[in-house]
Amino acid sequence: MAISEQTLTTLDQAYMRPRYPGYIEFQDHASRAVHECLLGKASARETIRRINGWQQEHAAGSESR
């Protein structure tokens, strides 16, 4: 079965979520933090700080696995 040039272009440009262990947990934490920010329960600066911290924790944890 031949794949068309348009299909290859689409696949090349597609986004896939990261596959490292712990990513889904990180995404859960981050989405809750963004939701709280949108509701005015946290500042944008605090939300970014929290998300960056979680990302560093999860990325460091995935390197040791």
Protein backbone atom coordinates (compact mmCIF):
# COMPACT_ATOMS: atom_id res chain seq x y z
CA MET A 1 0.00 0.00 0.00
CA ALA A 2 1.50 3.31 -1.04
CA ILE A 3 1.33 6.33 1.24
CA SER A 4 0.58 9.60 -0.51
CA GLU A 5 2.85 12.61 -0.18
CA GLN A 6 0.02 14.47 1.60
CA THR A 7 -0.28 11.69 4.18
CA LEU A 8 3.47 11.76 4.84
CA THR A 9 3.36 15.53 5.26
CA THR A 10 0.49 15.22 7.74
CA LEU A 11 2.31 12.54 9.74
CA ASP A 12 5.52 14.58 9.77
CA GLN A 13 3.68 17.60 11.15
CA ALA A 14 1.48 15.74 13.64
CA TYR A 15 1.89 16.25 17.38
CA MET A 16 2.26 13.27 19.64
CA ARG A 17 2.27 13.53 23.39
CA PRO A 18 5.51 12.65 25.12
CA ARG A 19 5.89 8.97 25.98
CA TYR A 20 8.12 9.11 29.05
CA PRO A 21 6.88 7.43 32.23
CA GLY A 22 5.05 9.91 34.43
CA TYR A 23 3.93 12.23 31.64
CA ILE A 24 0.23 11.59 32.21
CA GLU A 25 0.63 12.39 35.93
CA PHE A 26 2.43 15.61 34.98
CA GLN A 27 -0.33 16.52 32.52
CA ASP A 28 -2.98 15.93 35.20
CA HIS A 29 -1.19 18.23 37.65
CA ALA A 30 -0.56 20.90 35.02
CA SER A 31 -4.12 20.94 33.72
CA ARG A 32 -5.49 21.37 37.26
CA ALA A 33 -3.07 24.23 37.85
CA VAL A 34 -4.12 25.97 34.62
CA HIS A 35 -7.78 25.51 35.55
CA GLU A 36 -7.18 27.11 38.97
CA CYS A 37 -5.39 30.01 37.29
CA LEU A 38 -8.28 30.56 34.88
CA LEU A 39 -10.67 30.62 37.83
CA GLY A 40 -8.53 33.31 39.49
CA LYS A 41 -7.38 31.03 42.32
CA ALA A 42 -3.69 31.38 41.37
CA SER A 43 -1.62 33.92 39.47
CA ALA A 44 -0.14 33.17 36.07
CA ARG A 45 3.36 33.54 37.52
CA GLU A 46 2.65 31.01 40.31
CA THR A 47 1.01 28.62 37.85
CA ILE A 48 4.01 28.69 35.52
CA ARG A 49 6.39 28.19 38.47
CA ARG A 50 4.41 25.15 39.62
CA ILE A 51 4.20 23.62 36.14
CA ASN A 52 7.91 24.17 35.50
CA GLY A 53 8.75 22.52 38.83
CA TRP A 54 6.59 19.48 38.09
CA GLN A 55 8.02 19.16 34.60
CA GLN A 56 11.57 19.17 35.96
CA GLU A 57 10.65 16.56 38.58
CA HIS A 58 8.97 14.28 36.06
CA ALA A 59 11.71 14.69 33.46
CA ALA A 60 14.39 13.92 36.05
CA GLY A 61 12.42 10.87 37.18
CA SER A 62 12.09 9.58 33.64
CA GLU A 63 15.85 9.78 33.07
CA SER A 64 16.53 7.48 36.00
CA ARG A 65 14.18 4.77 34.71
